[in-house]
Amino acid sequence: MSQEKYYNMRQFSHKSQGFTLIEMLVVLVIIGMLAGLVGPKLFGRVDSSKVKTAEVQIKMLKGSLETFRLDVGRFPTQAEGLLVLNQSPSEERARAHWRGPYLDQDVPLDPWGAPYLYSLPGANNQAFALYSLGGDGKRGGEGIDADVGLLPPAQ
């Protein structure tokens, strides 16, 4: 191979090895613009999916509470709370009829990382209240901050 051909091949392969700084900056600007357009829409869906997740978990817990009532003859006391779905009650009569655990896993936290609240009685003649305080962790609120579930009587 002559030295001239070797030099031309080396020059060609050197030019095709990477991207220029300008090309990299253009790609980063395009990615940034796409993220700016798509990101807020995706994060808005995350918030609404948390509300849906809380609703589904509350329905699942409600079914477990109703199964507990069928076995034991009453809903858990406020002192027993939701833990009685996985641990037999301390009361002897209730322990004799308990057929749990009523959940496959521990009682889940709500999608915002707080425990679900359980109290007796519920609002609108419901036997119990089972709810999440939503994104803000406070009673009331709107949108993602609204309380979710079977709410307690208004105070």
N, C-alpha and C. Protein backbone atom coordinates (compact mmCIF):
# COMPACT_ATOMS: atom_id res chain seq x y z
N MET A 1 0.86 -1.17 0.00
CA MET A 1 0.00 0.00 0.00
C MET A 1 0.90 1.23 0.00
N SER A 2 0.61 2.13 -0.89
CA SER A 2 1.44 3.33 -0.95
C SER A 2 1.10 4.24 0.21
N GLN A 3 2.03 5.10 0.52
CA GLN A 3 1.87 5.99 1.65
C GLN A 3 0.73 6.98 1.40
N GLU A 4 0.50 7.39 0.17
CA GLU A 4 -0.56 8.34 -0.15
C GLU A 4 -1.94 7.71 0.11
N LYS A 5 -2.14 6.45 -0.31
CA LYS A 5 -3.42 5.79 -0.05
C LYS A 5 -3.63 5.62 1.45
N TYR A 6 -2.59 5.24 2.18
CA TYR A 6 -2.70 5.06 3.62
C TYR A 6 -3.09 6.37 4.29
N TYR A 7 -2.49 7.46 3.87
CA TYR A 7 -2.80 8.77 4.44
C TYR A 7 -4.24 9.15 4.16
N ASN A 8 -4.78 8.92 2.93
CA ASN A 8 -6.16 9.23 2.59
C ASN A 8 -7.14 8.39 3.40
N MET A 9 -6.87 7.10 3.59
CA MET A 9 -7.75 6.24 4.37
C MET A 9 -7.76 6.67 5.83
N ARG A 10 -6.64 7.04 6.34
CA ARG A 10 -6.55 7.46 7.73
C ARG A 10 -7.32 8.77 7.94
N GLN A 11 -7.23 9.67 6.97
CA GLN A 11 -7.94 10.93 7.06
C GLN A 11 -9.45 10.69 7.04
N PHE A 12 -9.93 9.78 6.20
CA PHE A 12 -11.35 9.49 6.09
C PHE A 12 -11.88 8.88 7.38
N SER A 13 -11.17 7.90 7.92
CA SER A 13 -11.65 7.23 9.13
C SER A 13 -11.61 8.17 10.33
N HIS A 14 -10.72 9.09 10.38
CA HIS A 14 -10.63 10.04 11.47
C HIS A 14 -11.83 10.99 11.46
N LYS A 15 -12.30 11.39 10.30
CA LYS A 15 -13.42 12.32 10.19
C LYS A 15 -14.74 11.66 10.58
N SER A 16 -14.89 10.35 10.43
CA SER A 16 -16.17 9.71 10.68
C SER A 16 -16.25 9.06 12.07
N GLN A 17 -15.38 9.43 13.00
CA GLN A 17 -15.35 8.77 14.29
C GLN A 17 -16.33 9.33 15.31
N GLY A 18 -16.85 10.50 15.21
CA GLY A 18 -17.71 11.03 16.26
C GLY A 18 -18.54 12.21 15.79
N PHE A 19 -19.21 12.84 16.77
CA PHE A 19 -20.05 13.99 16.50
C PHE A 19 -19.31 15.26 16.88
N THR A 20 -19.68 16.32 16.22
CA THR A 20 -19.10 17.61 16.58
C THR A 20 -19.86 18.17 17.77
N LEU A 21 -19.30 19.16 18.41
CA LEU A 21 -19.94 19.79 19.55
C LEU A 21 -21.26 20.42 19.13
N ILE A 22 -21.33 21.02 17.97
CA ILE A 22 -22.56 21.64 17.48
C ILE A 22 -23.65 20.59 17.31
N GLU A 23 -23.32 19.44 16.74
CA GLU A 23 -24.31 18.38 16.57
C GLU A 23 -24.85 17.90 17.92
N MET A 24 -23.97 17.75 18.88
CA MET A 24 -24.39 17.32 20.22
C MET A 24 -25.32 18.36 20.86
N LEU A 25 -25.00 19.63 20.71
CA LEU A 25 -25.83 20.69 21.29
C LEU A 25 -27.21 20.72 20.64
N VAL A 26 -27.27 20.53 19.32
CA VAL A 26 -28.56 20.52 18.63
C VAL A 26 -29.42 19.37 19.15
N VAL A 27 -28.84 18.20 19.31
CA VAL A 27 -29.58 17.05 19.82
C VAL A 27 -30.07 17.32 21.24
N LEU A 28 -29.25 17.89 22.10
CA LEU A 28 -29.65 18.20 23.47
C LEU A 28 -30.78 19.22 23.51
N VAL A 29 -30.74 20.22 22.64
CA VAL A 29 -31.81 21.22 22.58
C VAL A 29 -33.12 20.56 22.16
N ILE A 30 -33.07 19.67 21.18
CA ILE A 30 -34.28 18.98 20.72
C ILE A 30 -34.85 18.12 21.84
N ILE A 31 -34.00 17.38 22.54
CA ILE A 31 -34.46 16.55 23.65
C ILE A 31 -35.07 17.41 24.75
N GLY A 32 -34.46 18.53 25.05
CA GLY A 32 -34.99 19.44 26.06
C GLY A 32 -36.35 20.00 25.68
N MET A 33 -36.53 20.33 24.40
CA MET A 33 -37.83 20.85 23.95
C MET A 33 -38.90 19.76 24.05
N LEU A 34 -38.58 18.54 23.68
CA LEU A 34 -39.54 17.44 23.78
C LEU A 34 -39.92 17.19 25.23
N ALA A 35 -38.94 17.18 26.11
CA ALA A 35 -39.21 16.96 27.53
C ALA A 35 -40.08 18.08 28.09
N GLY A 36 -39.87 19.30 27.65
CA GLY A 36 -40.68 20.42 28.11
C GLY A 36 -42.12 20.33 27.66
N LEU A 37 -42.36 19.73 26.52
CA LEU A 37 -43.72 19.58 26.01
C LEU A 37 -44.43 18.37 26.60
N VAL A 38 -43.74 17.26 26.70
CA VAL A 38 -44.35 16.00 27.10
C VAL A 38 -44.36 15.82 28.62
N GLY A 39 -43.34 16.27 29.30
CA GLY A 39 -43.20 16.07 30.74
C GLY A 39 -44.39 16.49 31.57
N PRO A 40 -44.88 17.73 31.44
CA PRO A 40 -46.01 18.15 32.27
C PRO A 40 -47.26 17.30 32.07
N LYS A 41 -47.49 16.84 30.83
CA LYS A 41 -48.66 15.99 30.59
C LYS A 41 -48.52 14.65 31.30
N LEU A 42 -47.31 14.10 31.30
CA LEU A 42 -47.10 12.82 31.97
C LEU A 42 -47.22 12.96 33.48
N PHE A 43 -46.69 14.04 34.05
CA PHE A 43 -46.77 14.22 35.49
C PHE A 43 -48.20 14.47 35.94
N GLY A 44 -49.03 15.10 35.10
CA GLY A 44 -50.44 15.28 35.42
C GLY A 44 -51.16 13.95 35.52
N ARG A 45 -50.76 12.99 34.69
CA ARG A 45 -51.37 11.67 34.73
C ARG A 45 -50.92 10.88 35.96
N VAL A 46 -49.73 11.13 36.44
CA VAL A 46 -49.25 10.45 37.64
C VAL A 46 -50.15 10.82 38.82
N ASP A 47 -50.50 12.10 38.93
CA ASP A 47 -51.36 12.55 40.02
C ASP A 47 -52.73 11.88 39.96
N SER A 48 -53.34 11.83 38.78
CA SER A 48 -54.67 11.21 38.68
C SER A 48 -54.58 9.71 38.89
N SER A 49 -53.47 9.09 38.54
CA SER A 49 -53.34 7.65 38.77
C SER A 49 -53.21 7.35 40.27
N LYS A 50 -52.66 8.26 41.04
CA LYS A 50 -52.60 8.06 42.49
C LYS A 50 -53.99 8.03 43.10
N VAL A 51 -54.87 8.91 42.62
CA VAL A 51 -56.25 8.93 43.12
C VAL A 51 -56.94 7.62 42.76
N LYS A 52 -56.76 7.14 41.52
CA LYS A 52 -57.37 5.87 41.09
C LYS A 52 -56.82 4.71 41.92
N THR A 53 -55.52 4.71 42.19
CA THR A 53 -54.92 3.66 43.00
C THR A 53 -55.53 3.64 44.40
N ALA A 54 -55.71 4.81 44.99
CA ALA A 54 -56.33 4.89 46.32
C ALA A 54 -57.75 4.34 46.29
N GLU A 55 -58.51 4.68 45.26
CA GLU A 55 -59.88 4.18 45.15
C GLU A 55 -59.92 2.66 45.06
N VAL A 56 -59.02 2.08 44.28
CA VAL A 56 -58.98 0.62 44.12
C VAL A 56 -58.55 -0.05 45.42
N GLN A 57 -57.55 0.50 46.09
CA GLN A 57 -57.10 -0.09 47.35
C GLN A 57 -58.20 -0.02 48.41
N ILE A 58 -58.95 1.07 48.43
CA ILE A 58 -60.04 1.21 49.41
C ILE A 58 -61.13 0.17 49.13
N LYS A 59 -61.44 -0.08 47.87
CA LYS A 59 -62.42 -1.12 47.54
C LYS A 59 -61.93 -2.49 48.00
N MET A 60 -60.65 -2.77 47.81
CA MET A 60 -60.09 -4.04 48.23
C MET A 60 -60.15 -4.17 49.76
N LEU A 61 -59.79 -3.12 50.47
CA LEU A 61 -59.85 -3.14 51.93
C LEU A 61 -61.28 -3.26 52.43
N LYS A 62 -62.21 -2.60 51.75
CA LYS A 62 -63.62 -2.69 52.13
C LYS A 62 -64.11 -4.13 52.00
N GLY A 63 -63.73 -4.81 50.92
CA GLY A 63 -64.11 -6.21 50.76
C GLY A 63 -63.54 -7.08 51.87
N SER A 64 -62.31 -6.81 52.27
CA SER A 64 -61.69 -7.57 53.37
C SER A 64 -62.40 -7.30 54.69
N LEU A 65 -62.80 -6.05 54.92
CA LEU A 65 -63.53 -5.71 56.14
C LEU A 65 -64.89 -6.40 56.18
N GLU A 66 -65.54 -6.47 55.04
CA GLU A 66 -66.86 -7.13 54.98
C GLU A 66 -66.72 -8.64 55.20
N THR A 67 -65.65 -9.23 54.69
CA THR A 67 -65.41 -10.66 54.94
C THR A 67 -65.13 -10.89 56.42
N PHE A 68 -64.36 -10.00 57.04
CA PHE A 68 -64.11 -10.07 58.48
C PHE A 68 -65.44 -10.04 59.24
N ARG A 69 -66.33 -9.14 58.85
CA ARG A 69 -67.63 -9.01 59.51
C ARG A 69 -68.45 -10.29 59.37
N LEU A 70 -68.41 -10.91 58.19
CA LEU A 70 -69.14 -12.16 58.00
C LEU A 70 -68.63 -13.26 58.93
N ASP A 71 -67.31 -13.31 59.12
CA ASP A 71 -66.72 -14.35 59.98
C ASP A 71 -66.91 -14.06 61.46
N VAL A 72 -66.61 -12.84 61.87
CA VAL A 72 -66.57 -12.49 63.29
C VAL A 72 -67.91 -11.98 63.80
N GLY A 73 -68.73 -11.43 62.92
CA GLY A 73 -70.05 -10.94 63.32
C GLY A 73 -70.08 -9.45 63.59
N ARG A 74 -68.98 -8.78 63.37
CA ARG A 74 -68.91 -7.33 63.56
C ARG A 74 -67.73 -6.79 62.76
N PHE A 75 -67.74 -5.48 62.54
CA PHE A 75 -66.58 -4.84 61.92
C PHE A 75 -65.51 -4.65 62.99
N PRO A 76 -64.27 -4.49 62.59
CA PRO A 76 -63.22 -4.24 63.59
C PRO A 76 -63.53 -2.99 64.41
N THR A 77 -63.12 -3.02 65.66
CA THR A 77 -63.27 -1.82 66.48
C THR A 77 -62.25 -0.79 65.99
N GLN A 78 -62.44 0.42 66.43
CA GLN A 78 -61.51 1.47 66.04
C GLN A 78 -60.12 1.18 66.61
N ALA A 79 -60.07 0.58 67.80
CA ALA A 79 -58.78 0.23 68.41
C ALA A 79 -58.08 -0.87 67.61
N GLU A 80 -58.83 -1.85 67.11
CA GLU A 80 -58.24 -2.92 66.30
C GLU A 80 -57.77 -2.38 64.96
N GLY A 81 -58.56 -1.51 64.38
CA GLY A 81 -58.21 -0.90 63.10
C GLY A 81 -58.05 -1.92 61.99
N LEU A 82 -57.29 -1.55 60.99
CA LEU A 82 -57.10 -2.41 59.82
C LEU A 82 -56.09 -3.53 60.08
N LEU A 83 -55.31 -3.42 61.14
CA LEU A 83 -54.32 -4.46 61.45
C LEU A 83 -54.97 -5.81 61.72
N VAL A 84 -56.23 -5.79 62.18
CA VAL A 84 -56.92 -7.03 62.50
C VAL A 84 -57.20 -7.86 61.24
N LEU A 85 -57.02 -7.28 60.08
CA LEU A 85 -57.20 -8.03 58.84
C LEU A 85 -56.07 -9.05 58.64
N ASN A 86 -54.92 -8.82 59.28
CA ASN A 86 -53.78 -9.74 59.17
C ASN A 86 -53.40 -10.40 60.49
N GLN A 87 -53.86 -9.85 61.61
CA GLN A 87 -53.52 -10.40 62.94
C GLN A 87 -54.82 -10.71 63.67
N SER A 88 -54.87 -11.86 64.29
CA SER A 88 -56.11 -12.23 64.98
C SER A 88 -56.39 -11.25 66.11
N PRO A 89 -57.66 -10.99 66.36
CA PRO A 89 -58.02 -10.02 67.41
C PRO A 89 -57.68 -10.55 68.81
N SER A 90 -57.54 -9.64 69.75
CA SER A 90 -57.20 -10.03 71.12
C SER A 90 -58.44 -10.53 71.87
N GLU A 91 -59.61 -10.08 71.48
CA GLU A 91 -60.85 -10.51 72.13
C GLU A 91 -61.08 -12.00 71.84
N GLU A 92 -61.33 -12.79 72.88
CA GLU A 92 -61.41 -14.24 72.75
C GLU A 92 -62.54 -14.69 71.81
N ARG A 93 -63.73 -14.12 71.94
CA ARG A 93 -64.86 -14.51 71.09
C ARG A 93 -64.56 -14.22 69.62
N ALA A 94 -64.00 -13.04 69.35
CA ALA A 94 -63.67 -12.67 67.97
C ALA A 94 -62.55 -13.55 67.43
N ARG A 95 -61.58 -13.88 68.27
CA ARG A 95 -60.46 -14.72 67.84
C ARG A 95 -60.94 -16.11 67.45
N ALA A 96 -61.97 -16.63 68.13
CA ALA A 96 -62.50 -17.96 67.84
C ALA A 96 -63.14 -18.01 66.45
N HIS A 97 -63.67 -16.91 65.98
CA HIS A 97 -64.36 -16.88 64.68
C HIS A 97 -63.50 -16.31 63.55
N TRP A 98 -62.36 -15.75 63.91
CA TRP A 98 -61.47 -15.11 62.92
C TRP A 98 -60.92 -16.17 61.98
N ARG A 99 -61.04 -15.96 60.67
CA ARG A 99 -60.58 -16.92 59.66
C ARG A 99 -59.54 -16.30 58.75
N GLY A 100 -58.82 -15.32 59.26
CA GLY A 100 -57.85 -14.59 58.46
C GLY A 100 -56.56 -15.34 58.26
N PRO A 101 -55.60 -14.71 57.69
CA PRO A 101 -55.61 -13.29 57.32
C PRO A 101 -56.50 -13.01 56.11
N TYR A 102 -57.03 -11.80 56.09
CA TYR A 102 -57.95 -11.38 55.05
C TYR A 102 -57.26 -10.63 53.92
N LEU A 103 -55.98 -10.40 54.08
CA LEU A 103 -55.17 -9.76 53.03
C LEU A 103 -53.97 -10.65 52.74
N ASP A 104 -53.52 -10.65 51.50
CA ASP A 104 -52.34 -11.43 51.11
C ASP A 104 -51.05 -10.81 51.66
N GLN A 105 -51.05 -9.49 51.84
CA GLN A 105 -49.86 -8.77 52.31
C GLN A 105 -50.28 -7.87 53.46
N ASP A 106 -49.32 -7.09 53.97
CA ASP A 106 -49.64 -6.11 55.00
C ASP A 106 -50.61 -5.08 54.44
N VAL A 107 -51.28 -4.38 55.35
CA VAL A 107 -52.18 -3.31 54.93
C VAL A 107 -51.35 -2.27 54.18
N PRO A 108 -51.73 -1.93 52.94
CA PRO A 108 -50.91 -0.99 52.18
C PRO A 108 -51.04 0.44 52.69
N LEU A 109 -50.03 1.23 52.39
CA LEU A 109 -50.12 2.67 52.61
C LEU A 109 -50.84 3.26 51.42
N ASP A 110 -51.39 4.45 51.60
CA ASP A 110 -52.02 5.10 50.44
C ASP A 110 -50.93 5.53 49.46
N PRO A 111 -51.29 5.92 48.24
CA PRO A 111 -50.28 6.27 47.23
C PRO A 111 -49.37 7.43 47.61
N TRP A 112 -49.74 8.19 48.63
CA TRP A 112 -48.92 9.32 49.07
C TRP A 112 -48.06 8.94 50.27
N GLY A 113 -48.06 7.64 50.65
CA GLY A 113 -47.20 7.15 51.70
C GLY A 113 -47.76 7.24 53.11
N ALA A 114 -49.03 7.56 53.27
CA ALA A 114 -49.66 7.65 54.59
C ALA A 114 -50.57 6.44 54.81
N PRO A 115 -50.81 6.07 56.07
CA PRO A 115 -51.73 4.95 56.31
C PRO A 115 -53.18 5.36 56.01
N TYR A 116 -53.98 4.38 55.58
CA TYR A 116 -55.41 4.63 55.41
C TYR A 116 -56.04 4.81 56.79
N LEU A 117 -57.02 5.66 56.87
CA LEU A 117 -57.69 5.95 58.13
C LEU A 117 -58.98 5.14 58.22
N TYR A 118 -59.22 4.57 59.38
CA TYR A 118 -60.40 3.74 59.63
C TYR A 118 -61.06 4.24 60.90
N SER A 119 -62.36 4.46 60.86
CA SER A 119 -63.07 4.88 62.06
C SER A 119 -64.52 4.42 61.98
N LEU A 120 -65.18 4.46 63.12
CA LEU A 120 -66.59 4.07 63.23
C LEU A 120 -67.37 5.25 63.76
N PRO A 121 -68.53 5.55 63.32
CA PRO A 121 -69.19 5.07 62.10
C PRO A 121 -68.75 5.91 60.91
N GLY A 122 -69.27 5.56 59.76
CA GLY A 122 -69.00 6.34 58.55
C GLY A 122 -70.10 7.35 58.31
N ALA A 123 -69.95 8.14 57.29
CA ALA A 123 -70.96 9.13 56.91
C ALA A 123 -72.11 8.44 56.17
N ASN A 124 -73.24 9.09 56.12
CA ASN A 124 -74.40 8.61 55.35
C ASN A 124 -74.83 7.19 55.74
N ASN A 125 -74.90 6.94 57.03
CA ASN A 125 -75.34 5.65 57.57
C ASN A 125 -74.45 4.47 57.18
N GLN A 126 -73.20 4.72 56.84
CA GLN A 126 -72.27 3.62 56.57
C GLN A 126 -71.72 3.12 57.89
N ALA A 127 -71.42 1.83 57.95
CA ALA A 127 -70.95 1.22 59.19
C ALA A 127 -69.58 1.72 59.61
N PHE A 128 -68.74 2.07 58.64
CA PHE A 128 -67.38 2.51 58.96
C PHE A 128 -66.92 3.54 57.93
N ALA A 129 -65.84 4.23 58.29
CA ALA A 129 -65.17 5.16 57.39
C ALA A 129 -63.80 4.59 57.07
N LEU A 130 -63.43 4.61 55.82
CA LEU A 130 -62.13 4.11 55.37
C LEU A 130 -61.68 5.05 54.26
N TYR A 131 -60.62 5.82 54.53
CA TYR A 131 -60.29 6.88 53.58
C TYR A 131 -58.82 7.28 53.66
N SER A 132 -58.41 8.03 52.63
CA SER A 132 -57.10 8.65 52.56
C SER A 132 -57.30 10.16 52.55
N LEU A 133 -56.38 10.87 53.12
CA LEU A 133 -56.48 12.34 53.14
C LEU A 133 -55.96 12.98 51.86
N GLY A 134 -55.57 12.20 50.89
CA GLY A 134 -55.11 12.75 49.61
C GLY A 134 -53.70 13.28 49.67
N GLY A 135 -53.35 14.05 48.64
CA GLY A 135 -51.98 14.51 48.47
C GLY A 135 -51.48 15.46 49.54
N ASP A 136 -52.37 16.25 50.13
CA ASP A 136 -51.92 17.23 51.12
C ASP A 136 -51.91 16.68 52.55
N GLY A 137 -52.52 15.52 52.79
CA GLY A 137 -52.53 14.92 54.12
C GLY A 137 -53.43 15.65 55.10
N LYS A 138 -54.36 16.48 54.60
CA LYS A 138 -55.26 17.24 55.47
C LYS A 138 -56.70 16.98 55.05
N ARG A 139 -57.63 17.13 55.99
CA ARG A 139 -59.06 16.97 55.67
C ARG A 139 -59.48 17.97 54.62
N GLY A 140 -60.37 17.53 53.73
CA GLY A 140 -60.88 18.40 52.68
C GLY A 140 -59.92 18.49 51.51
N GLY A 141 -60.03 19.54 50.77
CA GLY A 141 -59.16 19.75 49.63
C GLY A 141 -59.87 19.49 48.31
N GLU A 142 -59.19 19.81 47.23
CA GLU A 142 -59.74 19.63 45.89
C GLU A 142 -58.71 18.93 45.01
N GLY A 143 -59.19 18.30 43.96
CA GLY A 143 -58.30 17.64 43.02
C GLY A 143 -57.51 16.54 43.69
N ILE A 144 -56.19 16.55 43.51
CA ILE A 144 -55.33 15.52 44.11
C ILE A 144 -55.28 15.63 45.63
N ASP A 145 -55.62 16.79 46.19
CA ASP A 145 -55.61 16.99 47.63
C ASP A 145 -56.92 16.59 48.29
N ALA A 146 -57.92 16.18 47.52
CA ALA A 146 -59.22 15.81 48.07
C ALA A 146 -59.12 14.47 48.79
N ASP A 147 -59.97 14.31 49.81
CA ASP A 147 -60.05 13.05 50.53
C ASP A 147 -60.66 11.99 49.60
N VAL A 148 -60.19 10.75 49.73
CA VAL A 148 -60.64 9.67 48.86
C VAL A 148 -61.16 8.54 49.72
N GLY A 149 -62.34 7.99 49.38
CA GLY A 149 -62.82 6.79 50.04
C GLY A 149 -64.16 6.96 50.70
N LEU A 150 -64.39 6.13 51.71
CA LEU A 150 -65.62 6.15 52.50
C LEU A 150 -65.37 7.07 53.67
N LEU A 151 -65.87 8.27 53.59
CA LEU A 151 -65.49 9.33 54.53
C LEU A 151 -66.24 9.25 55.84
N PRO A 152 -65.66 9.81 56.91
CA PRO A 152 -66.34 9.87 58.20
C PRO A 152 -67.40 10.96 58.18
N PRO A 153 -68.27 10.98 59.19
CA PRO A 153 -69.27 12.04 59.27
C PRO A 153 -68.58 13.42 59.34
N ALA A 154 -69.22 14.42 58.78
CA ALA A 154 -68.68 15.78 58.82
C ALA A 154 -68.57 16.24 60.26
N GLN A 155 -67.48 16.94 60.54
CA GLN A 155 -67.26 17.41 61.91
C GLN A 155 -67.58 18.86 62.05
